[in-house]
Amino acid sequence: MAGEGKGKIVDRGKKYHKIFIYIPKEVSSDTSFPFKVGEDVTVRIEGNRLVIEKRQQASN
């Protein structure tokens, strides 16, 4: 599998509870990585998996 590496889940919240997931460079620099920095995503749990998808743009 291309673009695979070890990530990490960390709690960076001091005043508020915040969880961050670090994506390794091997994954984020892969040409098939579907996200851009700052892009909004949808995060959900399916069974024992965390699914991250691009958010659908609201049509006006």
Protein backbone atom coordinates (compact mmCIF):
# COMPACT_ATOMS: atom_id res chain seq x y z
CA MET A 1 0.00 0.00 0.00
CA ALA A 2 1.48 3.35 -1.02
CA GLY A 3 1.59 6.24 1.40
CA GLU A 4 1.57 4.31 4.66
CA GLY A 5 3.23 5.35 7.90
CA LYS A 6 2.82 5.57 11.66
CA GLY A 7 0.46 8.30 12.87
CA LYS A 8 -0.37 9.37 16.40
CA ILE A 9 -3.39 10.49 18.39
CA VAL A 10 -2.62 13.20 20.96
CA ASP A 11 -4.58 15.37 23.38
CA ARG A 12 -3.39 18.96 22.98
CA GLY A 13 -6.15 20.57 25.03
CA LYS A 14 -5.17 22.47 28.14
CA LYS A 15 -8.28 24.53 28.75
CA TYR A 16 -10.55 22.53 26.44
CA HIS A 17 -10.41 18.86 25.48
CA LYS A 18 -8.93 18.63 21.96
CA ILE A 19 -7.79 15.50 20.17
CA PHE A 20 -5.48 15.71 17.16
CA ILE A 21 -4.55 12.95 14.75
CA TYR A 22 -1.14 13.34 13.18
CA ILE A 23 -0.86 12.00 9.65
CA PRO A 24 2.69 11.03 8.71
CA LYS A 25 4.50 12.74 5.85
CA GLU A 26 4.60 9.47 3.89
CA VAL A 27 0.81 9.58 3.73
CA SER A 28 0.18 13.32 3.36
CA SER A 29 2.76 13.72 0.57
CA ASP A 30 1.37 10.79 -1.44
CA THR A 31 -0.14 12.04 -4.72
CA SER A 32 -3.40 10.26 -3.93
CA PHE A 33 -3.84 12.06 -0.56
CA PRO A 34 -7.31 13.63 -1.01
CA PHE A 35 -7.13 16.59 1.41
CA LYS A 36 -5.61 20.07 1.51
CA VAL A 37 -4.42 21.87 4.65
CA GLY A 38 -7.28 23.83 6.20
CA GLU A 39 -10.00 21.92 4.35
CA ASP A 40 -13.17 21.01 6.28
CA VAL A 41 -13.79 17.28 6.65
CA THR A 42 -16.50 15.03 8.05
CA VAL A 43 -15.34 12.56 10.72
CA ARG A 44 -17.43 9.60 11.83
CA ILE A 45 -17.05 6.24 13.51
CA GLU A 46 -18.05 3.07 11.66
CA GLY A 47 -17.58 0.06 13.89
CA ASN A 48 -13.93 0.12 14.95
CA ARG A 49 -12.87 2.47 12.12
CA LEU A 50 -12.55 6.24 11.95
CA VAL A 51 -13.71 7.55 8.57
CA ILE A 52 -12.58 10.98 7.33
CA GLU A 53 -14.19 12.37 4.19
CA LYS A 54 -14.30 15.66 2.32
CA ARG A 55 -17.34 17.70 3.33
CA GLN A 56 -19.99 18.14 0.68
CA GLN A 57 -20.27 21.74 -0.52
CA ALA A 58 -23.69 23.25 0.19
CA SER A 59 -25.28 24.32 -3.09
CA ASN A 60 -27.00 27.71 -3.12
